[in-house]
Amino acid sequence: MPVMDCSQCEGIEAKFNQKYVNKKIKKYLKDGPKKTTLCLMRALQSEDIQGMTLLDIGGGLGDIQHALLKSGVSHAVNVEGSNAYVEACEAEAQRQGHAGRIRHLHGDFVSLAGDVPSVDIVTLDRVICCYHDMPQLVNLSAQKARRFYGVVYPRDARWVKLAMLIYYNLRHWLQRNPMRNFVHPTGAVEAILRENGLERLFYREMGPWQVVVFARQ
C-alpha cells in the first residue's frame, strides 16, 4: 500500500499530477532526458555496470532506469511518490521492452525503506531538494548502495536559494500546495555519505545543479 503520510509527500502527489506528467511525457519523447540527467547517466555508464542492480528514488518517467537497463543493468527498483509518474514509468518501460525488469513502489522512500532491497547503484535525480528530512533520506538511501550513489541536487549557493524561494516555493504557497523545495547544505549531504563509506568519484556543476557520483570504498 502507498505510504504518503506527510504534508510534503501529499504536496508532491498533488504537484506531479496527471496533467503535469503528460507534459513531461511529451517533452521526454521529443527531447529525451534533461542535460543534468544525461550527465549523471553518462558518469554511471562510464563505469563497469554490467549485471548490476539499480534503485531509482523519485525517478519520474524513469529516464535513468530505461537508459541503464539498456546499458547492462539487470533489474531496477523504482520508488516514486507520484502515482501518475509510476504509471507513466510503467508505460514507458513497456514501450521500451523491459517492463518485466522494473519493480515499482509508490510512496515515500523513507517510510518504505525497510521493504526496499540493497542494490549496486542508487540514484536520486533532483530528489534531495524535494524532501524536508534530508538526513533521513540520504542516510537510508546510502545504506542501500553497494557500489555507486548518484545524485543531482541544487548547489549550496545564495543565488540558488533565492531562485528556489521565488520560482518554486512562492508559487507553491500561492497554489496552496504544502510541497516545498530545499537547498540542503552540500557539506551536510556529503558528510552523511562519507559516514556510510561513500567517497566522491565524479563531480560537475551545471547551472544551479551539481551532478555527483559517489563510490563505496
N, C-alpha and C. Protein backbone atom coordinates (compact mmCIF):
# COMPACT_ATOMS: atom_id res chain seq x y z
N MET A 1 0.85 -1.19 0.00
CA MET A 1 0.00 0.00 0.00
C MET A 1 0.88 1.24 0.00
N PRO A 2 0.49 2.33 -0.72
CA PRO A 2 1.27 3.55 -0.72
C PRO A 2 1.38 4.14 0.67
N VAL A 3 2.54 4.70 0.97
CA VAL A 3 2.74 5.35 2.26
C VAL A 3 3.01 6.82 1.99
N MET A 4 2.02 7.67 2.21
CA MET A 4 2.14 9.09 1.93
C MET A 4 1.52 9.86 3.10
N ASP A 5 2.16 9.80 4.26
CA ASP A 5 1.54 10.32 5.46
C ASP A 5 2.17 11.62 5.94
N CYS A 6 2.80 12.38 5.05
CA CYS A 6 3.36 13.67 5.45
C CYS A 6 2.87 14.73 4.47
N SER A 7 2.81 15.99 4.92
CA SER A 7 2.29 17.05 4.06
C SER A 7 3.17 17.26 2.84
N GLN A 8 4.49 17.12 2.99
CA GLN A 8 5.39 17.25 1.85
C GLN A 8 5.06 16.18 0.80
N CYS A 9 4.84 14.96 1.25
CA CYS A 9 4.51 13.87 0.33
C CYS A 9 3.18 14.12 -0.37
N GLU A 10 2.21 14.64 0.37
CA GLU A 10 0.92 14.97 -0.23
C GLU A 10 1.08 16.07 -1.27
N GLY A 11 1.97 17.02 -0.98
CA GLY A 11 2.23 18.10 -1.93
C GLY A 11 2.88 17.59 -3.19
N ILE A 12 3.79 16.62 -3.05
CA ILE A 12 4.44 16.01 -4.21
C ILE A 12 3.41 15.31 -5.09
N GLU A 13 2.51 14.57 -4.47
CA GLU A 13 1.46 13.87 -5.22
C GLU A 13 0.58 14.86 -5.97
N ALA A 14 0.28 15.99 -5.31
CA ALA A 14 -0.58 16.99 -5.94
C ALA A 14 0.13 17.72 -7.08
N LYS A 15 1.40 18.05 -6.89
CA LYS A 15 2.15 18.78 -7.93
C LYS A 15 2.36 17.92 -9.17
N PHE A 16 2.85 16.70 -8.95
CA PHE A 16 3.17 15.83 -10.08
C PHE A 16 1.94 14.98 -10.44
N ASN A 17 0.89 15.69 -10.83
CA ASN A 17 -0.38 15.02 -11.17
C ASN A 17 -0.38 14.61 -12.64
N GLN A 18 -1.50 14.06 -13.09
CA GLN A 18 -1.56 13.53 -14.46
C GLN A 18 -1.32 14.61 -15.51
N LYS A 19 -1.86 15.79 -15.29
CA LYS A 19 -1.68 16.88 -16.25
C LYS A 19 -0.21 17.25 -16.37
N TYR A 20 0.47 17.37 -15.24
CA TYR A 20 1.90 17.72 -15.22
C TYR A 20 2.71 16.62 -15.90
N VAL A 21 2.43 15.38 -15.55
CA VAL A 21 3.19 14.25 -16.09
C VAL A 21 2.98 14.10 -17.59
N ASN A 22 1.77 14.36 -18.07
CA ASN A 22 1.52 14.27 -19.51
C ASN A 22 2.42 15.22 -20.29
N LYS A 23 2.64 16.42 -19.75
CA LYS A 23 3.53 17.38 -20.40
C LYS A 23 4.96 16.85 -20.42
N LYS A 24 5.38 16.24 -19.32
CA LYS A 24 6.74 15.70 -19.23
C LYS A 24 6.94 14.52 -20.19
N ILE A 25 5.89 13.71 -20.38
CA ILE A 25 5.99 12.59 -21.32
C ILE A 25 6.25 13.12 -22.73
N LYS A 26 5.49 14.13 -23.14
CA LYS A 26 5.66 14.71 -24.47
C LYS A 26 7.07 15.27 -24.65
N LYS A 27 7.57 15.95 -23.62
CA LYS A 27 8.91 16.53 -23.70
C LYS A 27 9.98 15.44 -23.76
N TYR A 28 9.81 14.39 -22.97
CA TYR A 28 10.77 13.28 -22.96
C TYR A 28 10.82 12.58 -24.32
N LEU A 29 9.66 12.34 -24.90
CA LEU A 29 9.61 11.66 -26.19
C LEU A 29 10.18 12.53 -27.31
N LYS A 30 10.07 13.85 -27.15
CA LYS A 30 10.57 14.78 -28.16
C LYS A 30 12.06 15.08 -27.99
N ASP A 31 12.48 15.35 -26.74
CA ASP A 31 13.84 15.84 -26.49
C ASP A 31 14.74 14.88 -25.72
N GLY A 32 14.17 13.85 -25.11
CA GLY A 32 14.97 12.95 -24.29
C GLY A 32 15.18 13.51 -22.89
N PRO A 33 16.07 12.90 -22.10
CA PRO A 33 16.31 13.33 -20.71
C PRO A 33 16.91 14.73 -20.62
N LYS A 34 16.75 15.35 -19.45
CA LYS A 34 17.36 16.64 -19.16
C LYS A 34 18.89 16.53 -19.21
N LYS A 35 19.56 17.67 -19.43
CA LYS A 35 21.02 17.66 -19.54
C LYS A 35 21.69 17.15 -18.27
N THR A 36 21.16 17.53 -17.11
CA THR A 36 21.77 17.06 -15.86
C THR A 36 21.57 15.56 -15.68
N THR A 37 20.41 15.07 -16.11
CA THR A 37 20.14 13.64 -16.04
C THR A 37 21.08 12.88 -16.97
N LEU A 38 21.27 13.40 -18.17
CA LEU A 38 22.21 12.79 -19.12
C LEU A 38 23.61 12.73 -18.55
N CYS A 39 24.01 13.81 -17.88
CA CYS A 39 25.35 13.86 -17.28
C CYS A 39 25.50 12.76 -16.24
N LEU A 40 24.49 12.59 -15.39
CA LEU A 40 24.54 11.55 -14.36
C LEU A 40 24.56 10.17 -15.01
N MET A 41 23.73 9.96 -16.01
CA MET A 41 23.71 8.68 -16.72
C MET A 41 25.08 8.33 -17.28
N ARG A 42 25.67 9.29 -17.98
CA ARG A 42 26.95 9.03 -18.65
C ARG A 42 28.06 8.76 -17.65
N ALA A 43 28.02 9.45 -16.50
CA ALA A 43 29.03 9.20 -15.47
C ALA A 43 28.92 7.76 -14.97
N LEU A 44 27.70 7.28 -14.80
CA LEU A 44 27.50 5.89 -14.35
C LEU A 44 27.81 4.90 -15.47
N GLN A 45 27.44 5.24 -16.69
CA GLN A 45 27.70 4.35 -17.83
C GLN A 45 29.20 4.20 -18.11
N SER A 46 30.00 5.16 -17.64
CA SER A 46 31.45 5.07 -17.84
C SER A 46 32.09 4.03 -16.92
N GLU A 47 31.33 3.58 -15.92
CA GLU A 47 31.80 2.53 -15.02
C GLU A 47 31.35 1.16 -15.54
N ASP A 48 31.91 0.12 -14.99
CA ASP A 48 31.52 -1.24 -15.39
C ASP A 48 30.26 -1.63 -14.62
N ILE A 49 29.10 -1.38 -15.23
CA ILE A 49 27.83 -1.62 -14.53
C ILE A 49 27.10 -2.86 -15.05
N GLN A 50 27.76 -3.65 -15.86
CA GLN A 50 27.13 -4.86 -16.40
C GLN A 50 26.62 -5.78 -15.28
N GLY A 51 25.36 -6.15 -15.37
CA GLY A 51 24.78 -7.07 -14.41
C GLY A 51 24.41 -6.46 -13.07
N MET A 52 24.63 -5.16 -12.89
CA MET A 52 24.32 -4.52 -11.62
C MET A 52 22.82 -4.28 -11.48
N THR A 53 22.42 -3.97 -10.25
CA THR A 53 21.02 -3.64 -9.96
C THR A 53 20.92 -2.17 -9.57
N LEU A 54 19.74 -1.60 -9.79
CA LEU A 54 19.54 -0.16 -9.62
C LEU A 54 18.34 0.12 -8.73
N LEU A 55 18.49 1.12 -7.85
CA LEU A 55 17.38 1.70 -7.11
C LEU A 55 17.29 3.16 -7.52
N ASP A 56 16.20 3.53 -8.16
CA ASP A 56 15.99 4.91 -8.61
C ASP A 56 14.89 5.51 -7.76
N ILE A 57 15.25 6.46 -6.91
CA ILE A 57 14.30 7.09 -5.99
C ILE A 57 13.80 8.39 -6.61
N GLY A 58 12.48 8.50 -6.75
CA GLY A 58 11.91 9.71 -7.34
C GLY A 58 12.32 9.90 -8.78
N GLY A 59 12.34 8.81 -9.53
CA GLY A 59 12.86 8.84 -10.89
C GLY A 59 11.91 9.36 -11.95
N GLY A 60 10.73 9.79 -11.58
CA GLY A 60 9.82 10.36 -12.55
C GLY A 60 9.41 9.37 -13.63
N LEU A 61 9.67 9.74 -14.88
CA LEU A 61 9.33 8.88 -16.02
C LEU A 61 10.23 7.66 -16.12
N GLY A 62 11.32 7.66 -15.33
CA GLY A 62 12.23 6.53 -15.35
C GLY A 62 13.37 6.68 -16.34
N ASP A 63 13.72 7.93 -16.67
CA ASP A 63 14.80 8.18 -17.63
C ASP A 63 16.05 7.37 -17.32
N ILE A 64 16.48 7.41 -16.05
CA ILE A 64 17.70 6.71 -15.66
C ILE A 64 17.51 5.20 -15.73
N GLN A 65 16.36 4.74 -15.29
CA GLN A 65 16.09 3.29 -15.34
C GLN A 65 16.16 2.78 -16.77
N HIS A 66 15.47 3.45 -17.68
CA HIS A 66 15.43 2.99 -19.07
C HIS A 66 16.83 2.99 -19.69
N ALA A 67 17.60 4.04 -19.42
CA ALA A 67 18.94 4.15 -20.01
C ALA A 67 19.90 3.10 -19.45
N LEU A 68 19.89 2.91 -18.12
CA LEU A 68 20.85 1.98 -17.52
C LEU A 68 20.47 0.52 -17.78
N LEU A 69 19.19 0.24 -17.91
CA LEU A 69 18.79 -1.12 -18.27
C LEU A 69 19.30 -1.47 -19.67
N LYS A 70 19.35 -0.47 -20.54
CA LYS A 70 19.90 -0.69 -21.88
C LYS A 70 21.42 -0.76 -21.87
N SER A 71 22.03 -0.30 -20.78
CA SER A 71 23.50 -0.26 -20.68
C SER A 71 24.07 -1.42 -19.87
N GLY A 72 23.24 -2.39 -19.52
CA GLY A 72 23.75 -3.57 -18.85
C GLY A 72 23.23 -3.85 -17.47
N VAL A 73 22.52 -2.88 -16.86
CA VAL A 73 21.91 -3.13 -15.55
C VAL A 73 20.86 -4.22 -15.71
N SER A 74 20.82 -5.14 -14.75
CA SER A 74 19.93 -6.31 -14.89
C SER A 74 18.49 -6.02 -14.47
N HIS A 75 18.33 -5.38 -13.31
CA HIS A 75 16.99 -5.08 -12.79
C HIS A 75 17.00 -3.74 -12.08
N ALA A 76 15.83 -3.12 -11.96
CA ALA A 76 15.71 -1.83 -11.29
C ALA A 76 14.52 -1.84 -10.35
N VAL A 77 14.65 -1.06 -9.27
CA VAL A 77 13.54 -0.79 -8.36
C VAL A 77 13.23 0.70 -8.48
N ASN A 78 11.99 1.03 -8.73
CA ASN A 78 11.55 2.40 -8.88
C ASN A 78 10.68 2.77 -7.68
N VAL A 79 11.17 3.70 -6.84
CA VAL A 79 10.37 4.19 -5.71
C VAL A 79 9.98 5.63 -6.03
N GLU A 80 8.70 5.86 -6.19
CA GLU A 80 8.22 7.16 -6.69
C GLU A 80 7.02 7.63 -5.87
N GLY A 81 7.04 8.93 -5.51
CA GLY A 81 5.99 9.50 -4.69
C GLY A 81 4.75 9.92 -5.44
N SER A 82 4.82 9.97 -6.76
CA SER A 82 3.69 10.38 -7.59
C SER A 82 3.11 9.18 -8.31
N ASN A 83 1.84 8.90 -8.08
CA ASN A 83 1.22 7.76 -8.75
C ASN A 83 1.17 7.96 -10.26
N ALA A 84 0.96 9.20 -10.70
CA ALA A 84 0.93 9.48 -12.13
C ALA A 84 2.27 9.15 -12.77
N TYR A 85 3.36 9.45 -12.07
CA TYR A 85 4.69 9.13 -12.58
C TYR A 85 4.93 7.62 -12.60
N VAL A 86 4.45 6.91 -11.58
CA VAL A 86 4.61 5.45 -11.56
C VAL A 86 3.95 4.84 -12.79
N GLU A 87 2.73 5.26 -13.07
CA GLU A 87 2.00 4.72 -14.22
C GLU A 87 2.70 5.08 -15.53
N ALA A 88 3.25 6.30 -15.61
CA ALA A 88 3.95 6.73 -16.83
C ALA A 88 5.24 5.94 -17.02
N CYS A 89 5.94 5.68 -15.92
CA CYS A 89 7.18 4.90 -15.99
C CYS A 89 6.89 3.47 -16.43
N GLU A 90 5.82 2.90 -15.90
CA GLU A 90 5.42 1.55 -16.31
C GLU A 90 5.11 1.49 -17.80
N ALA A 91 4.38 2.50 -18.29
CA ALA A 91 4.01 2.53 -19.70
C ALA A 91 5.23 2.69 -20.59
N GLU A 92 6.16 3.55 -20.18
CA GLU A 92 7.37 3.76 -20.98
C GLU A 92 8.26 2.53 -20.97
N ALA A 93 8.33 1.85 -19.83
CA ALA A 93 9.11 0.61 -19.76
C ALA A 93 8.51 -0.45 -20.68
N GLN A 94 7.19 -0.49 -20.73
CA GLN A 94 6.51 -1.42 -21.64
C GLN A 94 6.85 -1.09 -23.09
N ARG A 95 6.83 0.20 -23.41
CA ARG A 95 7.13 0.64 -24.78
C ARG A 95 8.56 0.29 -25.17
N GLN A 96 9.49 0.40 -24.20
CA GLN A 96 10.90 0.15 -24.49
C GLN A 96 11.28 -1.32 -24.34
N GLY A 97 10.34 -2.14 -23.87
CA GLY A 97 10.57 -3.58 -23.86
C GLY A 97 11.25 -4.16 -22.64
N HIS A 98 11.25 -3.44 -21.52
CA HIS A 98 11.87 -4.01 -20.31
C HIS A 98 10.99 -3.86 -19.07
N ALA A 99 9.69 -3.88 -19.27
CA ALA A 99 8.76 -3.71 -18.14
C ALA A 99 8.95 -4.78 -17.07
N GLY A 100 9.30 -5.99 -17.48
CA GLY A 100 9.47 -7.08 -16.52
C GLY A 100 10.71 -6.99 -15.68
N ARG A 101 11.56 -6.01 -15.95
CA ARG A 101 12.81 -5.86 -15.20
C ARG A 101 12.77 -4.70 -14.21
N ILE A 102 11.60 -4.09 -14.04
CA ILE A 102 11.46 -2.98 -13.09
C ILE A 102 10.36 -3.31 -12.08
N ARG A 103 10.69 -3.16 -10.81
CA ARG A 103 9.70 -3.29 -9.73
C ARG A 103 9.33 -1.89 -9.28
N HIS A 104 8.05 -1.58 -9.25
CA HIS A 104 7.58 -0.24 -8.91
C HIS A 104 6.99 -0.21 -7.50
N LEU A 105 7.38 0.80 -6.74
CA LEU A 105 6.82 1.04 -5.41
C LEU A 105 6.36 2.49 -5.34
N HIS A 106 5.10 2.70 -4.98
CA HIS A 106 4.57 4.05 -4.88
C HIS A 106 4.52 4.48 -3.42
N GLY A 107 5.20 5.58 -3.10
CA GLY A 107 5.17 6.08 -1.74
C GLY A 107 6.43 6.83 -1.37
N ASP A 108 6.54 7.13 -0.10
CA ASP A 108 7.67 7.86 0.48
C ASP A 108 8.80 6.88 0.76
N PHE A 109 9.94 7.07 0.12
CA PHE A 109 11.04 6.12 0.29
C PHE A 109 11.44 5.95 1.75
N VAL A 110 11.49 7.04 2.51
CA VAL A 110 11.90 6.95 3.91
C VAL A 110 10.98 6.01 4.68
N SER A 111 9.69 6.07 4.40
CA SER A 111 8.73 5.18 5.06
C SER A 111 8.81 3.75 4.55
N LEU A 112 9.18 3.60 3.28
CA LEU A 112 9.21 2.28 2.65
C LEU A 112 10.57 1.60 2.74
N ALA A 113 11.58 2.30 3.25
CA ALA A 113 12.97 1.82 3.17
C ALA A 113 13.16 0.39 3.67
N GLY A 114 12.42 0.01 4.69
CA GLY A 114 12.57 -1.34 5.23
C GLY A 114 12.17 -2.43 4.25
N ASP A 115 11.36 -2.08 3.25
CA ASP A 115 10.91 -3.05 2.25
C ASP A 115 11.68 -2.95 0.94
N VAL A 116 12.67 -2.05 0.90
CA VAL A 116 13.44 -1.84 -0.33
C VAL A 116 14.77 -2.57 -0.22
N PRO A 117 15.13 -3.38 -1.21
CA PRO A 117 16.37 -4.16 -1.13
C PRO A 117 17.62 -3.31 -1.37
N SER A 118 18.75 -3.81 -0.91
CA SER A 118 20.04 -3.19 -1.25
C SER A 118 20.34 -3.51 -2.70
N VAL A 119 21.01 -2.57 -3.37
CA VAL A 119 21.32 -2.72 -4.80
C VAL A 119 22.76 -2.25 -5.03
N ASP A 120 23.20 -2.35 -6.28
CA ASP A 120 24.55 -1.89 -6.61
C ASP A 120 24.60 -0.38 -6.81
N ILE A 121 23.56 0.18 -7.43
CA ILE A 121 23.53 1.61 -7.77
C ILE A 121 22.27 2.24 -7.21
N VAL A 122 22.43 3.39 -6.55
CA VAL A 122 21.28 4.18 -6.09
C VAL A 122 21.35 5.54 -6.78
N THR A 123 20.22 6.01 -7.30
CA THR A 123 20.18 7.34 -7.92
C THR A 123 19.04 8.17 -7.35
N LEU A 124 19.31 9.46 -7.16
CA LEU A 124 18.31 10.44 -6.75
C LEU A 124 18.52 11.68 -7.62
N ASP A 125 17.74 11.79 -8.67
CA ASP A 125 17.87 12.88 -9.63
C ASP A 125 16.89 13.99 -9.29
N ARG A 126 17.40 15.10 -8.73
CA ARG A 126 16.56 16.23 -8.30
C ARG A 126 15.51 15.77 -7.29
N VAL A 127 15.95 14.99 -6.33
CA VAL A 127 15.06 14.43 -5.31
C VAL A 127 15.38 14.99 -3.93
N ILE A 128 16.66 15.13 -3.61
CA ILE A 128 17.06 15.65 -2.30
C ILE A 128 16.43 17.02 -2.06
N CYS A 129 16.30 17.82 -3.12
CA CYS A 129 15.74 19.16 -3.00
C CYS A 129 14.23 19.14 -2.75
N CYS A 130 13.61 17.99 -2.93
CA CYS A 130 12.15 17.88 -2.75
C CYS A 130 11.78 17.23 -1.43
N TYR A 131 12.78 17.00 -0.57
CA TYR A 131 12.47 16.28 0.67
C TYR A 131 12.91 17.09 1.88
N HIS A 132 12.02 17.18 2.86
CA HIS A 132 12.24 18.01 4.03
C HIS A 132 13.26 17.42 5.00
N ASP A 133 13.27 16.10 5.15
CA ASP A 133 14.18 15.44 6.10
C ASP A 133 15.37 14.86 5.35
N MET A 134 16.26 15.74 4.93
CA MET A 134 17.42 15.31 4.14
C MET A 134 18.26 14.26 4.85
N PRO A 135 18.60 14.41 6.13
CA PRO A 135 19.45 13.39 6.78
C PRO A 135 18.87 11.99 6.71
N GLN A 136 17.57 11.85 6.94
CA GLN A 136 16.93 10.54 6.86
C GLN A 136 16.98 9.98 5.44
N LEU A 137 16.62 10.82 4.48
CA LEU A 137 16.60 10.39 3.08
C LEU A 137 17.98 9.94 2.61
N VAL A 138 18.98 10.76 2.87
CA VAL A 138 20.33 10.44 2.39
C VAL A 138 20.91 9.25 3.14
N ASN A 139 20.73 9.21 4.44
CA ASN A 139 21.28 8.10 5.22
C ASN A 139 20.66 6.76 4.82
N LEU A 140 19.34 6.72 4.74
CA LEU A 140 18.67 5.46 4.41
C LEU A 140 18.96 5.01 2.98
N SER A 141 19.01 5.97 2.06
CA SER A 141 19.29 5.60 0.66
C SER A 141 20.75 5.19 0.49
N ALA A 142 21.67 5.84 1.21
CA ALA A 142 23.09 5.48 1.12
C ALA A 142 23.32 4.05 1.60
N GLN A 143 22.56 3.64 2.60
CA GLN A 143 22.70 2.28 3.12
C GLN A 143 22.31 1.22 2.09
N LYS A 144 21.55 1.61 1.08
CA LYS A 144 21.11 0.66 0.04
C LYS A 144 22.13 0.49 -1.07
N ALA A 145 23.14 1.38 -1.14
CA ALA A 145 24.08 1.39 -2.26
C ALA A 145 25.31 0.54 -1.97
N ARG A 146 25.46 -0.56 -2.70
CA ARG A 146 26.64 -1.42 -2.53
C ARG A 146 27.85 -0.90 -3.30
N ARG A 147 27.61 -0.19 -4.41
CA ARG A 147 28.73 0.24 -5.26
C ARG A 147 28.73 1.74 -5.55
N PHE A 148 27.65 2.25 -6.13
CA PHE A 148 27.61 3.64 -6.57
C PHE A 148 26.36 4.35 -6.06
N TYR A 149 26.51 5.67 -5.86
CA TYR A 149 25.42 6.51 -5.39
C TYR A 149 25.47 7.80 -6.22
N GLY A 150 24.46 7.99 -7.07
CA GLY A 150 24.47 9.15 -7.97
C GLY A 150 23.35 10.12 -7.64
N VAL A 151 23.70 11.41 -7.60
CA VAL A 151 22.70 12.43 -7.24
C VAL A 151 22.82 13.67 -8.13
N VAL A 152 21.68 14.30 -8.33
CA VAL A 152 21.61 15.65 -8.88
C VAL A 152 20.83 16.46 -7.86
N TYR A 153 21.45 17.52 -7.33
CA TYR A 153 20.76 18.35 -6.35
C TYR A 153 21.30 19.77 -6.41
N PRO A 154 20.60 20.77 -5.84
CA PRO A 154 21.00 22.16 -6.00
C PRO A 154 22.35 22.48 -5.37
N ARG A 155 23.08 23.37 -6.03
CA ARG A 155 24.33 23.88 -5.45
C ARG A 155 24.00 24.72 -4.23
N ASP A 156 24.87 24.66 -3.26
CA ASP A 156 24.67 25.38 -1.99
C ASP A 156 25.19 26.81 -2.15
N ALA A 157 24.43 27.61 -2.91
CA ALA A 157 24.83 28.99 -3.19
C ALA A 157 23.66 29.93 -2.89
N ARG A 158 23.99 31.16 -2.50
CA ARG A 158 22.94 32.11 -2.10
C ARG A 158 21.96 32.38 -3.24
N TRP A 159 22.48 32.55 -4.46
CA TRP A 159 21.59 32.87 -5.58
C TRP A 159 20.66 31.70 -5.92
N VAL A 160 21.15 30.48 -5.69
CA VAL A 160 20.30 29.30 -5.93
C VAL A 160 19.17 29.26 -4.90
N LYS A 161 19.50 29.57 -3.65
CA LYS A 161 18.48 29.59 -2.60
C LYS A 161 17.41 30.63 -2.90
N LEU A 162 17.84 31.81 -3.38
CA LEU A 162 16.89 32.87 -3.71
C LEU A 162 15.99 32.45 -4.87
N ALA A 163 16.60 31.85 -5.89
CA ALA A 163 15.83 31.38 -7.04
C ALA A 163 14.83 30.30 -6.63
N MET A 164 15.25 29.41 -5.76
CA MET A 164 14.38 28.34 -5.28
C MET A 164 13.18 28.92 -4.53
N LEU A 165 13.45 29.94 -3.71
CA LEU A 165 12.39 30.57 -2.93
C LEU A 165 11.36 31.23 -3.83
N ILE A 166 11.85 31.98 -4.83
CA ILE A 166 10.95 32.74 -5.69
C ILE A 166 10.26 31.84 -6.71
N TYR A 167 11.03 31.02 -7.40
CA TYR A 167 10.48 30.26 -8.53
C TYR A 167 9.61 29.09 -8.08
N TYR A 168 10.01 28.43 -7.01
CA TYR A 168 9.27 27.24 -6.57
C TYR A 168 8.37 27.51 -5.36
N ASN A 169 8.99 27.93 -4.26
CA ASN A 169 8.23 27.97 -3.01
C ASN A 169 7.15 29.04 -2.97
N LEU A 170 7.40 30.19 -3.58
CA LEU A 170 6.36 31.22 -3.63
C LEU A 170 5.19 30.73 -4.47
N ARG A 171 5.49 30.07 -5.57
CA ARG A 171 4.44 29.54 -6.44
C ARG A 171 3.64 28.46 -5.71
N HIS A 172 4.33 27.58 -5.00
CA HIS A 172 3.62 26.54 -4.24
C HIS A 172 2.71 27.16 -3.18
N TRP A 173 3.21 28.20 -2.52
CA TRP A 173 2.42 28.87 -1.49
C TRP A 173 1.17 29.48 -2.09
N LEU A 174 1.31 30.13 -3.24
CA LEU A 174 0.16 30.75 -3.91
C LEU A 174 -0.85 29.70 -4.37
N GLN A 175 -0.35 28.53 -4.73
CA GLN A 175 -1.22 27.43 -5.17
C GLN A 175 -1.77 26.63 -3.99
N ARG A 176 -1.41 27.02 -2.77
CA ARG A 176 -1.81 26.32 -1.55
C ARG A 176 -1.36 24.85 -1.56
N ASN A 177 -0.20 24.64 -2.14
CA ASN A 177 0.39 23.30 -2.16
C ASN A 177 1.42 23.24 -1.03
N PRO A 178 1.33 22.27 -0.11
CA PRO A 178 2.26 22.21 1.02
C PRO A 178 3.68 21.81 0.64
N MET A 179 3.90 21.38 -0.60
CA MET A 179 5.25 20.99 -1.01
C MET A 179 6.18 22.20 -0.97
N ARG A 180 7.40 21.97 -0.50
CA ARG A 180 8.44 23.00 -0.52
C ARG A 180 9.71 22.40 -1.11
N ASN A 181 10.52 23.26 -1.73
CA ASN A 181 11.81 22.84 -2.26
C ASN A 181 12.91 23.38 -1.37
N PHE A 182 14.02 22.65 -1.30
CA PHE A 182 15.08 22.97 -0.35
C PHE A 182 16.45 22.97 -1.02
N VAL A 183 17.32 23.83 -0.51
CA VAL A 183 18.74 23.78 -0.88
C VAL A 183 19.48 23.31 0.36
N HIS A 184 19.66 22.02 0.48
CA HIS A 184 20.33 21.45 1.65
C HIS A 184 21.84 21.66 1.54
N PRO A 185 22.53 21.89 2.65
CA PRO A 185 23.98 22.15 2.61
C PRO A 185 24.75 20.98 2.01
N THR A 186 25.58 21.29 1.02
CA THR A 186 26.39 20.26 0.37
C THR A 186 27.26 19.52 1.39
N GLY A 187 27.86 20.28 2.31
CA GLY A 187 28.73 19.66 3.31
C GLY A 187 28.00 18.65 4.16
N ALA A 188 26.75 18.95 4.50
CA ALA A 188 25.96 18.03 5.33
C ALA A 188 25.60 16.77 4.55
N VAL A 189 25.24 16.93 3.28
CA VAL A 189 24.91 15.77 2.44
C VAL A 189 26.13 14.86 2.32
N GLU A 190 27.28 15.45 1.99
CA GLU A 190 28.48 14.64 1.76
C GLU A 190 29.00 14.02 3.05
N ALA A 191 28.79 14.68 4.18
CA ALA A 191 29.23 14.11 5.46
C ALA A 191 28.47 12.81 5.75
N ILE A 192 27.17 12.81 5.47
CA ILE A 192 26.37 11.60 5.68
C ILE A 192 26.84 10.48 4.76
N LEU A 193 27.15 10.82 3.52
CA LEU A 193 27.60 9.81 2.57
C LEU A 193 28.96 9.24 2.98
N ARG A 194 29.85 10.11 3.46
CA ARG A 194 31.16 9.62 3.92
C ARG A 194 31.00 8.70 5.12
N GLU A 195 30.08 9.05 6.02
CA GLU A 195 29.82 8.19 7.19
C GLU A 195 29.33 6.81 6.77
N ASN A 196 28.74 6.74 5.59
CA ASN A 196 28.25 5.47 5.05
C ASN A 196 29.26 4.80 4.13
N GLY A 197 30.50 5.29 4.13
CA GLY A 197 31.55 4.64 3.36
C GLY A 197 31.60 5.00 1.89
N LEU A 198 30.98 6.13 1.51
CA LEU A 198 30.95 6.56 0.12
C LEU A 198 31.83 7.79 -0.08
N GLU A 199 32.63 7.78 -1.13
CA GLU A 199 33.53 8.90 -1.44
C GLU A 199 33.24 9.41 -2.85
N ARG A 200 33.44 10.71 -3.04
CA ARG A 200 33.14 11.33 -4.32
C ARG A 200 34.03 10.77 -5.44
N LEU A 201 33.39 10.38 -6.53
CA LEU A 201 34.08 9.83 -7.70
C LEU A 201 34.00 10.76 -8.89
N PHE A 202 32.87 11.46 -9.03
CA PHE A 202 32.62 12.34 -10.18
C PHE A 202 31.87 13.56 -9.68
N TYR A 203 32.23 14.75 -10.22
CA TYR A 203 31.54 15.98 -9.82
C TYR A 203 31.48 16.95 -10.99
N ARG A 204 30.31 17.55 -11.19
CA ARG A 204 30.18 18.59 -12.22
C ARG A 204 29.08 19.56 -11.81
N GLU A 205 29.34 20.86 -11.98
CA GLU A 205 28.34 21.88 -11.75
C GLU A 205 27.70 22.25 -13.09
N MET A 206 26.37 22.32 -13.10
CA MET A 206 25.62 22.65 -14.30
C MET A 206 24.54 23.66 -13.92
N GLY A 207 24.84 24.95 -14.08
CA GLY A 207 23.91 25.99 -13.66
C GLY A 207 23.67 25.90 -12.16
N PRO A 208 22.41 25.84 -11.73
CA PRO A 208 22.12 25.76 -10.30
C PRO A 208 22.29 24.37 -9.71
N TRP A 209 22.63 23.39 -10.56
CA TRP A 209 22.68 22.00 -10.13
C TRP A 209 24.09 21.48 -10.00
N GLN A 210 24.27 20.49 -9.13
CA GLN A 210 25.52 19.74 -9.05
C GLN A 210 25.20 18.27 -9.29
N VAL A 211 26.00 17.67 -10.15
CA VAL A 211 25.84 16.26 -10.52
C VAL A 211 27.01 15.50 -9.90
N VAL A 212 26.71 14.54 -9.04
CA VAL A 212 27.77 13.87 -8.28
C VAL A 212 27.55 12.36 -8.25
N VAL A 213 28.64 11.63 -8.42
CA VAL A 213 28.61 10.18 -8.23
C VAL A 213 29.60 9.83 -7.13
N PHE A 214 29.14 9.04 -6.18
CA PHE A 214 29.97 8.55 -5.09
C PHE A 214 30.17 7.05 -5.27
N ALA A 215 31.30 6.55 -4.81
CA ALA A 215 31.59 5.12 -4.90
C ALA A 215 31.90 4.59 -3.51
N ARG A 216 31.48 3.38 -3.25
CA ARG A 216 31.77 2.77 -1.95
C ARG A 216 33.24 2.37 -1.89
N GLN A 217 33.87 2.72 -0.79
CA GLN A 217 35.30 2.44 -0.62
C GLN A 217 35.52 1.09 0.06
